[in-house]
Structures are given as structure tokens and as C-alpha cells.
Amino acid sequence: MSREPGLPALLAEARDEVAVLGEILDLLYLAAEGLGDSPGAALARGAMLARDRLDQLRDLLREARPPP
């Protein structure tokens, strides 16, 4: 019988995933900026907006504490 991970492990994994997604969005933004045209600008804006939402999620995860 496998044991499911507890909340502290899940929070740590979620924080790691947020960090990875942040790096991907940063790369996407840089690539979009390199395009230099209207679709590139729209893609860069989308990456910035997604990064803002991800930063909000990161803040929530930092505040999250498992119950005692």
C-alpha cells in the first residue's frame, strides 16, 4: 500500500513547480521580445500577465502553512 504525500510535501512540490513555471515564462517573454512584431508584443504581454498571476500564486504558497 503506497502512502500519499502529506501537505508539507505537496506544498514543497507546488513551490518547486511555481519556480519552474516562472523560468519558462521568463524564457517565453524573452523569445517573444526577440520577435519584435505585433504577435511578439502580444505574446510578451501574455507572458508578463501570466508571470504576474504566478507571482500571486507564489505569495499564497509562501503564506500557506500546514495545520499543526
N, C-alpha and C. Protein backbone atom coordinates (compact mmCIF):
# COMPACT_ATOMS: atom_id res chain seq x y z
N MET A 1 0.85 -1.18 0.00
CA MET A 1 0.00 0.00 0.00
C MET A 1 0.89 1.24 0.00
N SER A 2 0.70 2.09 -0.98
CA SER A 2 1.52 3.29 -1.06
C SER A 2 0.91 4.39 -0.20
N ARG A 3 1.78 5.16 0.35
CA ARG A 3 1.34 6.25 1.21
C ARG A 3 1.33 7.54 0.42
N GLU A 4 0.26 8.29 0.51
CA GLU A 4 0.16 9.56 -0.20
C GLU A 4 0.99 10.61 0.53
N PRO A 5 1.60 11.54 -0.22
CA PRO A 5 2.40 12.58 0.43
C PRO A 5 1.53 13.50 1.29
N GLY A 6 2.12 13.97 2.38
CA GLY A 6 1.41 14.87 3.26
C GLY A 6 1.40 16.29 2.71
N LEU A 7 0.67 17.15 3.40
CA LEU A 7 0.53 18.53 2.96
C LEU A 7 1.87 19.27 2.87
N PRO A 8 2.79 19.10 3.82
CA PRO A 8 4.08 19.80 3.68
C PRO A 8 4.81 19.40 2.39
N ALA A 9 4.78 18.12 2.04
CA ALA A 9 5.44 17.67 0.82
C ALA A 9 4.74 18.23 -0.41
N LEU A 10 3.42 18.28 -0.38
CA LEU A 10 2.67 18.83 -1.51
C LEU A 10 2.94 20.32 -1.68
N LEU A 11 3.03 21.06 -0.58
CA LEU A 11 3.35 22.48 -0.66
C LEU A 11 4.74 22.69 -1.23
N ALA A 12 5.70 21.87 -0.80
CA ALA A 12 7.06 21.99 -1.32
C ALA A 12 7.09 21.70 -2.82
N GLU A 13 6.36 20.69 -3.24
CA GLU A 13 6.30 20.36 -4.66
C GLU A 13 5.64 21.49 -5.46
N ALA A 14 4.58 22.07 -4.92
CA ALA A 14 3.90 23.18 -5.60
C ALA A 14 4.83 24.37 -5.73
N ARG A 15 5.61 24.65 -4.69
CA ARG A 15 6.56 25.76 -4.76
C ARG A 15 7.63 25.51 -5.82
N ASP A 16 8.09 24.27 -5.91
CA ASP A 16 9.07 23.92 -6.94
C ASP A 16 8.48 24.10 -8.34
N GLU A 17 7.24 23.66 -8.52
CA GLU A 17 6.59 23.79 -9.83
C GLU A 17 6.40 25.25 -10.21
N VAL A 18 6.08 26.09 -9.24
CA VAL A 18 5.93 27.53 -9.49
C VAL A 18 7.26 28.12 -9.96
N ALA A 19 8.34 27.69 -9.35
CA ALA A 19 9.66 28.19 -9.74
C ALA A 19 9.98 27.78 -11.19
N VAL A 20 9.68 26.54 -11.54
CA VAL A 20 9.95 26.06 -12.90
C VAL A 20 9.08 26.84 -13.90
N LEU A 21 7.80 26.99 -13.60
CA LEU A 21 6.92 27.73 -14.49
C LEU A 21 7.37 29.18 -14.66
N GLY A 22 7.87 29.77 -13.59
CA GLY A 22 8.38 31.14 -13.67
C GLY A 22 9.55 31.25 -14.65
N GLU A 23 10.46 30.26 -14.60
CA GLU A 23 11.59 30.28 -15.52
C GLU A 23 11.12 30.10 -16.97
N ILE A 24 10.15 29.23 -17.18
CA ILE A 24 9.62 29.02 -18.53
C ILE A 24 8.97 30.30 -19.04
N LEU A 25 8.20 30.97 -18.20
CA LEU A 25 7.56 32.22 -18.62
C LEU A 25 8.59 33.30 -18.92
N ASP A 26 9.66 33.34 -18.14
CA ASP A 26 10.72 34.31 -18.42
C ASP A 26 11.35 34.05 -19.79
N LEU A 27 11.59 32.79 -20.12
CA LEU A 27 12.15 32.44 -21.42
C LEU A 27 11.18 32.77 -22.55
N LEU A 28 9.91 32.51 -22.31
CA LEU A 28 8.89 32.82 -23.31
C LEU A 28 8.84 34.33 -23.56
N TYR A 29 8.92 35.09 -22.50
CA TYR A 29 8.91 36.55 -22.63
C TYR A 29 10.11 37.02 -23.46
N LEU A 30 11.29 36.50 -23.13
CA LEU A 30 12.49 36.91 -23.87
C LEU A 30 12.40 36.52 -25.34
N ALA A 31 11.89 35.34 -25.61
CA ALA A 31 11.74 34.91 -27.00
C ALA A 31 10.74 35.79 -27.74
N ALA A 32 9.65 36.13 -27.08
CA ALA A 32 8.62 36.98 -27.70
C ALA A 32 9.17 38.38 -27.96
N GLU A 33 9.96 38.89 -27.04
CA GLU A 33 10.56 40.20 -27.24
C GLU A 33 11.50 40.19 -28.45
N GLY A 34 12.14 39.07 -28.68
CA GLY A 34 13.05 38.96 -29.81
C GLY A 34 12.34 38.96 -31.16
N LEU A 35 11.06 38.64 -31.17
CA LEU A 35 10.32 38.65 -32.43
C LEU A 35 10.14 40.06 -32.96
N GLY A 36 9.88 40.99 -32.06
CA GLY A 36 9.82 42.39 -32.42
C GLY A 36 8.65 42.85 -33.27
N ASP A 37 7.64 42.05 -33.45
CA ASP A 37 6.48 42.48 -34.24
C ASP A 37 5.22 42.42 -33.36
N SER A 38 4.08 42.67 -33.95
CA SER A 38 2.83 42.69 -33.17
C SER A 38 2.53 41.36 -32.48
N PRO A 39 2.63 40.23 -33.19
CA PRO A 39 2.39 38.97 -32.47
C PRO A 39 3.39 38.75 -31.34
N GLY A 40 4.63 39.17 -31.55
CA GLY A 40 5.63 39.05 -30.49
C GLY A 40 5.29 39.90 -29.29
N ALA A 41 4.80 41.12 -29.55
CA ALA A 41 4.40 42.00 -28.46
C ALA A 41 3.23 41.41 -27.68
N ALA A 42 2.28 40.84 -28.40
CA ALA A 42 1.12 40.23 -27.74
C ALA A 42 1.55 39.03 -26.91
N LEU A 43 2.46 38.23 -27.43
CA LEU A 43 2.96 37.07 -26.70
C LEU A 43 3.74 37.50 -25.47
N ALA A 44 4.54 38.54 -25.60
CA ALA A 44 5.30 39.05 -24.46
C ALA A 44 4.36 39.57 -23.38
N ARG A 45 3.32 40.28 -23.80
CA ARG A 45 2.34 40.78 -22.82
C ARG A 45 1.64 39.63 -22.12
N GLY A 46 1.28 38.62 -22.87
CA GLY A 46 0.65 37.45 -22.26
C GLY A 46 1.56 36.76 -21.26
N ALA A 47 2.84 36.66 -21.59
CA ALA A 47 3.80 36.06 -20.67
C ALA A 47 3.94 36.90 -19.41
N MET A 48 3.94 38.23 -19.57
CA MET A 48 4.03 39.11 -18.39
C MET A 48 2.81 38.96 -17.50
N LEU A 49 1.63 38.91 -18.11
CA LEU A 49 0.41 38.74 -17.32
C LEU A 49 0.39 37.40 -16.61
N ALA A 50 0.82 36.36 -17.31
CA ALA A 50 0.87 35.03 -16.67
C ALA A 50 1.88 35.04 -15.53
N ARG A 51 3.00 35.74 -15.71
CA ARG A 51 4.01 35.81 -14.65
C ARG A 51 3.46 36.54 -13.43
N ASP A 52 2.68 37.58 -13.65
CA ASP A 52 2.06 38.30 -12.53
C ASP A 52 1.14 37.37 -11.74
N ARG A 53 0.34 36.58 -12.44
CA ARG A 53 -0.55 35.62 -11.77
C ARG A 53 0.25 34.56 -11.02
N LEU A 54 1.34 34.13 -11.63
CA LEU A 54 2.19 33.13 -10.99
C LEU A 54 2.84 33.70 -9.73
N ASP A 55 3.23 34.96 -9.77
CA ASP A 55 3.79 35.61 -8.58
C ASP A 55 2.76 35.68 -7.45
N GLN A 56 1.52 35.92 -7.81
CA GLN A 56 0.45 35.91 -6.80
C GLN A 56 0.30 34.53 -6.18
N LEU A 57 0.35 33.51 -7.02
CA LEU A 57 0.26 32.14 -6.52
C LEU A 57 1.45 31.82 -5.62
N ARG A 58 2.65 32.25 -6.02
CA ARG A 58 3.83 32.02 -5.19
C ARG A 58 3.66 32.66 -3.81
N ASP A 59 3.13 33.88 -3.78
CA ASP A 59 2.91 34.54 -2.50
C ASP A 59 1.94 33.75 -1.63
N LEU A 60 0.88 33.24 -2.23
CA LEU A 60 -0.09 32.43 -1.49
C LEU A 60 0.56 31.16 -0.95
N LEU A 61 1.38 30.53 -1.76
CA LEU A 61 2.05 29.31 -1.32
C LEU A 61 3.05 29.59 -0.20
N ARG A 62 3.70 30.75 -0.24
CA ARG A 62 4.62 31.11 0.84
C ARG A 62 3.88 31.26 2.16
N GLU A 63 2.66 31.80 2.08
CA GLU A 63 1.88 32.02 3.30
C GLU A 63 1.21 30.74 3.81
N ALA A 64 1.06 29.76 2.93
CA ALA A 64 0.36 28.53 3.30
C ALA A 64 1.19 27.74 4.31
N ARG A 65 0.56 27.36 5.36
CA ARG A 65 1.19 26.55 6.40
C ARG A 65 0.29 25.36 6.67
N PRO A 66 0.89 24.18 6.75
CA PRO A 66 0.06 23.03 7.09
C PRO A 66 -0.46 23.14 8.52
N PRO A 67 -1.62 22.57 8.77
CA PRO A 67 -2.15 22.64 10.14
C PRO A 67 -1.24 21.87 11.10
N PRO A 68 -1.19 22.31 12.35
CA PRO A 68 -0.32 21.64 13.33
C PRO A 68 -0.77 20.23 13.63
